[in-house]
Protein backbone atom coordinates (compact mmCIF):
# COMPACT_ATOMS: atom_id res chain seq x y z
CA UNK A 1 0.00 0.00 0.00
CA UNK A 2 1.27 3.45 -0.83
CA UNK A 3 2.55 5.46 2.15
CA UNK A 4 0.18 8.39 1.58
CA UNK A 5 -2.84 6.10 1.50
CA UNK A 6 -1.65 4.40 4.69
CA UNK A 7 -1.28 7.74 6.47
CA UNK A 8 -4.77 8.75 5.37
CA UNK A 9 -6.22 5.49 6.70
CA UNK A 10 -4.42 6.03 10.00
CA UNK A 11 -5.74 9.61 10.24
CA UNK A 12 -9.27 8.39 9.50
CA UNK A 13 -8.90 5.69 12.13
CA UNK A 14 -7.79 8.21 14.75
CA UNK A 15 -10.80 10.38 13.91
CA UNK A 16 -13.20 7.45 14.20
CA UNK A 17 -11.70 6.51 17.58
CA UNK A 18 -11.86 10.11 18.79
CA UNK A 19 -15.54 10.46 17.87
CA UNK A 20 -16.39 7.03 19.32
CA UNK A 21 -14.68 7.89 22.59
CA UNK A 22 -16.48 11.25 22.76
CA UNK A 23 -19.71 9.26 22.78
CA UNK A 24 -18.22 7.00 25.46
CA UNK A 25 -18.83 3.89 23.35
CA UNK A 26 -16.75 0.74 23.37
CA UNK A 27 -15.65 -0.72 20.07
CA UNK A 28 -18.25 -3.43 20.60
CA UNK A 29 -21.05 -0.88 21.09
CA UNK A 30 -19.92 1.09 18.03
CA UNK A 31 -19.83 -2.11 15.99
CA UNK A 32 -23.35 -3.00 17.08
CA UNK A 33 -24.67 0.44 16.14
CA UNK A 34 -22.99 0.22 12.71
CA UNK A 35 -23.87 -3.43 12.13
CA UNK A 36 -20.15 -4.21 11.70
CA UNK A 37 -18.13 -6.73 13.68
CA UNK A 38 -16.00 -5.27 16.49
CA UNK A 39 -12.75 -6.67 15.03
CA UNK A 40 -13.35 -4.52 11.95
CA UNK A 41 -13.84 -1.41 14.08
CA UNK A 42 -10.47 -2.08 15.72
CA UNK A 43 -8.80 -2.55 12.34
CA UNK A 44 -10.36 0.68 11.04
CA UNK A 45 -9.17 2.60 14.07
CA UNK A 46 -5.62 1.27 13.60
CA UNK A 47 -5.64 2.15 9.90
CA UNK A 48 -5.40 -1.50 8.90
CA UNK A 49 -8.61 -1.66 6.89
CA UNK A 50 -9.39 0.17 3.67
CA UNK A 51 -12.91 1.43 4.36
CA UNK A 52 -15.53 1.22 1.61
CA UNK A 53 -17.55 4.33 0.84
CA UNK A 54 -20.79 2.76 2.08
CA UNK A 55 -19.10 1.90 5.38
CA UNK A 56 -17.80 5.46 5.67
CA UNK A 57 -21.37 6.72 5.20
CA UNK A 58 -22.66 4.34 7.88
CA UNK A 59 -19.94 5.40 10.33
CA UNK A 60 -20.70 9.07 9.73
CA UNK A 61 -24.42 8.49 10.24
CA UNK A 62 -23.91 6.63 13.52
CA UNK A 63 -21.34 9.15 14.78
CA UNK A 64 -23.65 12.05 13.77
CA UNK A 65 -21.09 13.78 11.55
CA UNK A 66 -20.76 14.28 7.82
CA UNK A 67 -18.45 12.03 5.81
CA UNK A 68 -16.28 15.11 5.23
CA UNK A 69 -15.92 15.60 8.99
CA UNK A 70 -14.65 12.03 9.29
CA UNK A 71 -12.11 12.57 6.52
CA UNK A 72 -10.86 15.94 7.76
CA UNK A 73 -9.04 15.40 11.01
PDB file of N, CA and C in Angstrom:
ATOM      1  N   UNK A   1       0.858  -1.180   0.000  1.00  0.00           N
ATOM      2  CA  UNK A   1       0.000   0.000   0.000  1.00  0.00           C
ATOM      3  C   UNK A   1       0.899   1.237   0.000  1.00  0.00           C
ATOM      4  N   UNK A   2       0.504   2.201  -0.744  1.00  0.00           N
ATOM      5  CA  UNK A   2       1.267   3.452  -0.833  1.00  0.00           C
ATOM      6  C   UNK A   2       1.246   4.195   0.509  1.00  0.00           C
ATOM      7  N   UNK A   3       2.368   4.824   0.836  1.00  0.00           N
ATOM      8  CA  UNK A   3       2.549   5.458   2.151  1.00  0.00           C
ATOM      9  C   UNK A   3       1.535   6.562   2.416  1.00  0.00           C
ATOM     10  N   UNK A   4       1.175   7.326   1.395  1.00  0.00           N
ATOM     11  CA  UNK A   4       0.182   8.387   1.583  1.00  0.00           C
ATOM     12  C   UNK A   4      -1.189   7.817   1.908  1.00  0.00           C
ATOM     13  N   UNK A   5      -1.552   6.744   1.225  1.00  0.00           N
ATOM     14  CA  UNK A   5      -2.840   6.100   1.500  1.00  0.00           C
ATOM     15  C   UNK A   5      -2.850   5.551   2.920  1.00  0.00           C
ATOM     16  N   UNK A   6      -1.742   4.944   3.340  1.00  0.00           N
ATOM     17  CA  UNK A   6      -1.651   4.398   4.689  1.00  0.00           C
ATOM     18  C   UNK A   6      -1.807   5.502   5.735  1.00  0.00           C
ATOM     19  N   UNK A   7      -1.170   6.625   5.519  1.00  0.00           N
ATOM     20  CA  UNK A   7      -1.285   7.743   6.466  1.00  0.00           C
ATOM     21  C   UNK A   7      -2.716   8.262   6.534  1.00  0.00           C
ATOM     22  N   UNK A   8      -3.376   8.310   5.389  1.00  0.00           N
ATOM     23  CA  UNK A   8      -4.773   8.754   5.367  1.00  0.00           C
ATOM     24  C   UNK A   8      -5.671   7.783   6.131  1.00  0.00           C
ATOM     25  N   UNK A   9      -5.438   6.486   5.958  1.00  0.00           N
ATOM     26  CA  UNK A   9      -6.224   5.487   6.695  1.00  0.00           C
ATOM     27  C   UNK A   9      -5.976   5.604   8.197  1.00  0.00           C
ATOM     28  N   UNK A  10      -4.732   5.865   8.580  1.00  0.00           N
ATOM     29  CA  UNK A  10      -4.416   6.030  10.004  1.00  0.00           C
ATOM     30  C   UNK A  10      -5.080   7.281  10.562  1.00  0.00           C
ATOM     31  N   UNK A  11      -5.075   8.378   9.798  1.00  0.00           N
ATOM     32  CA  UNK A  11      -5.742   9.608  10.240  1.00  0.00           C
ATOM     33  C   UNK A  11      -7.245   9.386  10.396  1.00  0.00           C
ATOM     34  N   UNK A  12      -7.842   8.701   9.425  1.00  0.00           N
ATOM     35  CA  UNK A  12      -9.265   8.392   9.504  1.00  0.00           C
ATOM     36  C   UNK A  12      -9.551   7.530  10.725  1.00  0.00           C
ATOM     37  N   UNK A  13      -8.721   6.553  10.968  1.00  0.00           N
ATOM     38  CA  UNK A  13      -8.895   5.686  12.131  1.00  0.00           C
ATOM     39  C   UNK A  13      -8.831   6.450  13.441  1.00  0.00           C
ATOM     40  N   UNK A  14      -7.893   7.386  13.538  1.00  0.00           N
ATOM     41  CA  UNK A  14      -7.795   8.211  14.751  1.00  0.00           C
ATOM     42  C   UNK A  14      -9.059   9.052  14.935  1.00  0.00           C
ATOM     43  N   UNK A  15      -9.585   9.565  13.829  1.00  0.00           N
ATOM     44  CA  UNK A  15     -10.798  10.384  13.906  1.00  0.00           C
ATOM     45  C   UNK A  15     -11.999   9.535  14.340  1.00  0.00           C
ATOM     46  N   UNK A  16     -12.113   8.343  13.793  1.00  0.00           N
ATOM     47  CA  UNK A  16     -13.197   7.447  14.196  1.00  0.00           C
ATOM     48  C   UNK A  16     -13.099   7.153  15.691  1.00  0.00           C
ATOM     49  N   UNK A  17     -11.896   6.814  16.149  1.00  0.00           N
ATOM     50  CA  UNK A  17     -11.699   6.512  17.577  1.00  0.00           C
ATOM     51  C   UNK A  17     -12.050   7.721  18.437  1.00  0.00           C
ATOM     52  N   UNK A  18     -11.593   8.904  18.028  1.00  0.00           N
ATOM     53  CA  UNK A  18     -11.862  10.115  18.791  1.00  0.00           C
ATOM     54  C   UNK A  18     -13.373  10.346  18.927  1.00  0.00           C
ATOM     55  N   UNK A  19     -14.091  10.247  17.831  1.00  0.00           N
ATOM     56  CA  UNK A  19     -15.538  10.460  17.874  1.00  0.00           C
ATOM     57  C   UNK A  19     -16.248   9.373  18.672  1.00  0.00           C
ATOM     58  N   UNK A  20     -15.795   8.133  18.542  1.00  0.00           N
ATOM     59  CA  UNK A  20     -16.393   7.030  19.315  1.00  0.00           C
ATOM     60  C   UNK A  20     -16.190   7.263  20.805  1.00  0.00           C
ATOM     61  N   UNK A  21     -14.973   7.668  21.181  1.00  0.00           N
ATOM     62  CA  UNK A  21     -14.677   7.888  22.592  1.00  0.00           C
ATOM     63  C   UNK A  21     -15.434   9.089  23.150  1.00  0.00           C
ATOM     64  N   UNK A  22     -15.676  10.104  22.319  1.00  0.00           N
ATOM     65  CA  UNK A  22     -16.479  11.249  22.761  1.00  0.00           C
ATOM     66  C   UNK A  22     -17.888  10.814  23.139  1.00  0.00           C
ATOM     67  N   UNK A  23     -18.378   9.791  22.479  1.00  0.00           N
ATOM     68  CA  UNK A  23     -19.706   9.258  22.784  1.00  0.00           C
ATOM     69  C   UNK A  23     -19.654   8.224  23.909  1.00  0.00           C
ATOM     70  N   UNK A  24     -18.435   7.958  24.387  1.00  0.00           N
ATOM     71  CA  UNK A  24     -18.218   6.996  25.465  1.00  0.00           C
ATOM     72  C   UNK A  24     -18.710   5.595  25.099  1.00  0.00           C
ATOM     73  N   UNK A  25     -18.449   5.212  23.839  1.00  0.00           N
ATOM     74  CA  UNK A  25     -18.827   3.890  23.347  1.00  0.00           C
ATOM     75  C   UNK A  25     -17.603   2.993  23.288  1.00  0.00           C
ATOM     76  N   UNK A  26     -17.793   1.741  23.598  1.00  0.00           N
ATOM     77  CA  UNK A  26     -16.750   0.743  23.374  1.00  0.00           C
ATOM     78  C   UNK A  26     -16.735   0.407  21.879  1.00  0.00           C
ATOM     79  N   UNK A  27     -15.681  -0.270  21.459  1.00  0.00           N
ATOM     80  CA  UNK A  27     -15.654  -0.723  20.066  1.00  0.00           C
ATOM     81  C   UNK A  27     -16.816  -1.663  19.795  1.00  0.00           C
ATOM     82  N   UNK A  28     -17.140  -2.488  20.755  1.00  0.00           N
ATOM     83  CA  UNK A  28     -18.253  -3.433  20.598  1.00  0.00           C
ATOM     84  C   UNK A  28     -19.576  -2.692  20.412  1.00  0.00           C
ATOM     85  N   UNK A  29     -19.801  -1.643  21.213  1.00  0.00           N
ATOM     86  CA  UNK A  29     -21.047  -0.883  21.090  1.00  0.00           C
ATOM     87  C   UNK A  29     -21.110  -0.168  19.735  1.00  0.00           C
ATOM     88  N   UNK A  30     -19.985   0.423  19.335  1.00  0.00           N
ATOM     89  CA  UNK A  30     -19.923   1.094  18.030  1.00  0.00           C
ATOM     90  C   UNK A  30     -20.229   0.097  16.918  1.00  0.00           C
ATOM     91  N   UNK A  31     -19.620  -1.069  17.003  1.00  0.00           N
ATOM     92  CA  UNK A  31     -19.831  -2.105  15.993  1.00  0.00           C
ATOM     93  C   UNK A  31     -21.307  -2.488  15.907  1.00  0.00           C
ATOM     94  N   UNK A  32     -21.931  -2.637  17.053  1.00  0.00           N
ATOM     95  CA  UNK A  32     -23.346  -3.002  17.082  1.00  0.00           C
ATOM     96  C   UNK A  32     -24.208  -1.914  16.426  1.00  0.00           C
ATOM     97  N   UNK A  33     -23.902  -0.680  16.715  1.00  0.00           N
ATOM     98  CA  UNK A  33     -24.671   0.438  16.145  1.00  0.00           C
ATOM     99  C   UNK A  33     -24.485   0.536  14.631  1.00  0.00           C
ATOM    100  N   UNK A  34     -23.301   0.139  14.150  1.00  0.00           N
ATOM    101  CA  UNK A  34     -22.991   0.220  12.713  1.00  0.00           C
ATOM    102  C   UNK A  34     -23.294  -1.069  11.972  1.00  0.00           C
ATOM    103  N   UNK A  35     -23.636  -2.110  12.724  1.00  0.00           N
ATOM    104  CA  UNK A  35     -23.870  -3.425  12.132  1.00  0.00           C
ATOM    105  C   UNK A  35     -22.598  -3.949  11.444  1.00  0.00           C
ATOM    106  N   UNK A  36     -21.472  -3.773  12.150  1.00  0.00           N
ATOM    107  CA  UNK A  36     -20.154  -4.210  11.698  1.00  0.00           C
ATOM    108  C   UNK A  36     -19.559  -5.013  12.848  1.00  0.00           C
ATOM    109  N   UNK A  37     -18.714  -5.993  12.558  1.00  0.00           N
ATOM    110  CA  UNK A  37     -18.132  -6.734  13.684  1.00  0.00           C
ATOM    111  C   UNK A  37     -17.059  -5.894  14.376  1.00  0.00           C
ATOM    112  N   UNK A  38     -16.889  -6.115  15.681  1.00  0.00           N
ATOM    113  CA  UNK A  38     -15.998  -5.274  16.485  1.00  0.00           C
ATOM    114  C   UNK A  38     -14.540  -5.394  16.060  1.00  0.00           C
ATOM    115  N   UNK A  39     -14.126  -6.533  15.520  1.00  0.00           N
ATOM    116  CA  UNK A  39     -12.751  -6.672  15.031  1.00  0.00           C
ATOM    117  C   UNK A  39     -12.500  -5.693  13.890  1.00  0.00           C
ATOM    118  N   UNK A  40     -13.493  -5.465  13.053  1.00  0.00           N
ATOM    119  CA  UNK A  40     -13.349  -4.521  11.947  1.00  0.00           C
ATOM    120  C   UNK A  40     -13.230  -3.084  12.454  1.00  0.00           C
ATOM    121  N   UNK A  41     -13.960  -2.751  13.503  1.00  0.00           N
ATOM    122  CA  UNK A  41     -13.841  -1.410  14.084  1.00  0.00           C
ATOM    123  C   UNK A  41     -12.407  -1.201  14.561  1.00  0.00           C
ATOM    124  N   UNK A  42     -11.854  -2.183  15.244  1.00  0.00           N
ATOM    125  CA  UNK A  42     -10.474  -2.085  15.716  1.00  0.00           C
ATOM    126  C   UNK A  42      -9.499  -1.907  14.562  1.00  0.00           C
ATOM    127  N   UNK A  43      -9.679  -2.669  13.510  1.00  0.00           N
ATOM    128  CA  UNK A  43      -8.802  -2.554  12.337  1.00  0.00           C
ATOM    129  C   UNK A  43      -8.933  -1.180  11.688  1.00  0.00           C
ATOM    130  N   UNK A  44     -10.150  -0.664  11.609  1.00  0.00           N
ATOM    131  CA  UNK A  44     -10.358   0.677  11.044  1.00  0.00           C
ATOM    132  C   UNK A  44      -9.618   1.720  11.878  1.00  0.00           C
ATOM    133  N   UNK A  45      -9.773   1.620  13.190  1.00  0.00           N
ATOM    134  CA  UNK A  45      -9.165   2.605  14.074  1.00  0.00           C
ATOM    135  C   UNK A  45      -7.635   2.543  14.031  1.00  0.00           C
ATOM    136  N   UNK A  46      -7.082   1.404  13.711  1.00  0.00           N
ATOM    137  CA  UNK A  46      -5.623   1.269  13.597  1.00  0.00           C
ATOM    138  C   UNK A  46      -5.122   1.564  12.181  1.00  0.00           C
ATOM    139  N   UNK A  47      -6.025   1.863  11.273  1.00  0.00           N
ATOM    140  CA  UNK A  47      -5.641   2.153   9.897  1.00  0.00           C
ATOM    141  C   UNK A  47      -5.244   0.923   9.121  1.00  0.00           C
ATOM    142  N   UNK A  48      -5.746  -0.230   9.535  1.00  0.00           N
ATOM    143  CA  UNK A  48      -5.403  -1.502   8.904  1.00  0.00           C
ATOM    144  C   UNK A  48      -6.439  -1.973   7.895  1.00  0.00           C
ATOM    145  N   UNK A  49      -7.521  -1.229   7.754  1.00  0.00           N
ATOM    146  CA  UNK A  49      -8.611  -1.655   6.889  1.00  0.00           C
ATOM    147  C   UNK A  49      -8.988  -0.517   5.953  1.00  0.00           C
ATOM    148  N   UNK A  50      -8.976  -0.804   4.679  1.00  0.00           N
ATOM    149  CA  UNK A  50      -9.393   0.170   3.674  1.00  0.00           C
ATOM    150  C   UNK A  50     -10.920   0.207   3.698  1.00  0.00           C
ATOM    151  N   UNK A  51     -11.476   1.325   4.116  1.00  0.00           N
ATOM    152  CA  UNK A  51     -12.911   1.434   4.359  1.00  0.00           C
ATOM    153  C   UNK A  51     -13.658   1.757   3.064  1.00  0.00           C
ATOM    154  N   UNK A  52     -14.673   0.968   2.773  1.00  0.00           N
ATOM    155  CA  UNK A  52     -15.529   1.221   1.607  1.00  0.00           C
ATOM    156  C   UNK A  52     -16.366   2.473   1.847  1.00  0.00           C
ATOM    157  N   UNK A  53     -16.762   3.101   0.761  1.00  0.00           N
ATOM    158  CA  UNK A  53     -17.547   4.330   0.840  1.00  0.00           C
ATOM    159  C   UNK A  53     -18.850   4.118   1.621  1.00  0.00           C
ATOM    160  N   UNK A  54     -19.524   3.019   1.384  1.00  0.00           N
ATOM    161  CA  UNK A  54     -20.793   2.764   2.082  1.00  0.00           C
ATOM    162  C   UNK A  54     -20.559   2.604   3.586  1.00  0.00           C
ATOM    163  N   UNK A  55     -19.430   2.032   3.955  1.00  0.00           N
ATOM    164  CA  UNK A  55     -19.098   1.896   5.375  1.00  0.00           C
ATOM    165  C   UNK A  55     -18.802   3.269   5.970  1.00  0.00           C
ATOM    166  N   UNK A  56     -18.091   4.101   5.224  1.00  0.00           N
ATOM    167  CA  UNK A  56     -17.804   5.458   5.672  1.00  0.00           C
ATOM    168  C   UNK A  56     -19.111   6.219   5.922  1.00  0.00           C
ATOM    169  N   UNK A  57     -20.068   6.065   5.026  1.00  0.00           N
ATOM    170  CA  UNK A  57     -21.368   6.724   5.202  1.00  0.00           C
ATOM    171  C   UNK A  57     -22.078   6.220   6.457  1.00  0.00           C
ATOM    172  N   UNK A  58     -22.026   4.919   6.689  1.00  0.00           N
ATOM    173  CA  UNK A  58     -22.659   4.339   7.875  1.00  0.00           C
ATOM    174  C   UNK A  58     -21.995   4.845   9.157  1.00  0.00           C
ATOM    175  N   UNK A  59     -20.667   4.893   9.163  1.00  0.00           N
ATOM    176  CA  UNK A  59     -19.939   5.398  10.331  1.00  0.00           C
ATOM    177  C   UNK A  59     -20.319   6.845  10.608  1.00  0.00           C
ATOM    178  N   UNK A  60     -20.353   7.656   9.569  1.00  0.00           N
ATOM    179  CA  UNK A  60     -20.697   9.070   9.733  1.00  0.00           C
ATOM    180  C   UNK A  60     -22.117   9.218  10.291  1.00  0.00           C
ATOM    181  N   UNK A  61     -23.047   8.443   9.773  1.00  0.00           N
ATOM    182  CA  UNK A  61     -24.425   8.494  10.242  1.00  0.00           C
ATOM    183  C   UNK A  61     -24.511   8.156  11.729  1.00  0.00           C
ATOM    184  N   UNK A  62     -23.867   7.079  12.118  1.00  0.00           N
ATOM    185  CA  UNK A  62     -23.911   6.631  13.517  1.00  0.00           C
ATOM    186  C   UNK A  62     -23.196   7.625  14.443  1.00  0.00           C
ATOM    187  N   UNK A  63     -22.099   8.207  13.967  1.00  0.00           N
ATOM    188  CA  UNK A  63     -21.337   9.150  14.784  1.00  0.00           C
ATOM    189  C   UNK A  63     -21.901  10.572  14.722  1.00  0.00           C
ATOM    190  N   UNK A  64     -22.952  10.757  13.909  1.00  0.00           N
ATOM    191  CA  UNK A  64     -23.648  12.045  13.772  1.00  0.00           C
ATOM    192  C   UNK A  64     -22.722  13.152  13.267  1.00  0.00           C
ATOM    193  N   UNK A  65     -21.943  12.814  12.233  1.00  0.00           N
ATOM    194  CA  UNK A  65     -21.090  13.780  11.545  1.00  0.00           C
ATOM    195  C   UNK A  65     -21.258  13.565  10.047  1.00  0.00           C
ATOM    196  N   UNK A  66     -20.742  14.476   9.268  1.00  0.00           N
ATOM    197  CA  UNK A  66     -20.761  14.284   7.825  1.00  0.00           C
ATOM    198  C   UNK A  66     -19.564  13.420   7.425  1.00  0.00           C
ATOM    199  N   UNK A  67     -19.625  12.777   6.285  1.00  0.00           N
ATOM    200  CA  UNK A  67     -18.452  12.033   5.814  1.00  0.00           C
ATOM    201  C   UNK A  67     -17.214  12.934   5.723  1.00  0.00           C
ATOM    202  N   UNK A  68     -17.401  14.177   5.314  1.00  0.00           N
ATOM    203  CA  UNK A  68     -16.280  15.115   5.226  1.00  0.00           C
ATOM    204  C   UNK A  68     -15.641  15.345   6.594  1.00  0.00           C
ATOM    205  N   UNK A  69     -16.458  15.414   7.640  1.00  0.00           N
ATOM    206  CA  UNK A  69     -15.922  15.598   8.988  1.00  0.00           C
ATOM    207  C   UNK A  69     -15.095  14.390   9.429  1.00  0.00           C
ATOM    208  N   UNK A  70     -15.458  13.214   8.974  1.00  0.00           N
ATOM    209  CA  UNK A  70     -14.655  12.035   9.289  1.00  0.00           C
ATOM    210  C   UNK A  70     -13.305  12.095   8.568  1.00  0.00           C
ATOM    211  N   UNK A  71     -13.316  12.550   7.338  1.00  0.00           N
ATOM    212  CA  UNK A  71     -12.112  12.566   6.523  1.00  0.00           C
ATOM    213  C   UNK A  71     -11.165  13.705   6.857  1.00  0.00           C
ATOM    214  N   UNK A  72     -11.688  14.775   7.423  1.00  0.00           N
ATOM    215  CA  UNK A  72     -10.855  15.942   7.760  1.00  0.00           C
ATOM    216  C   UNK A  72     -10.551  15.957   9.237  1.00  0.00           C
ATOM    217  N   UNK A  73      -9.385  15.460   9.583  1.00  0.00           N
ATOM    218  CA  UNK A  73      -9.037  15.400  11.007  1.00  0.00           C
ATOM    219  C   UNK A  73      -8.078  16.492  11.389  1.00  0.00           C
TER     220      UNK A  73
END
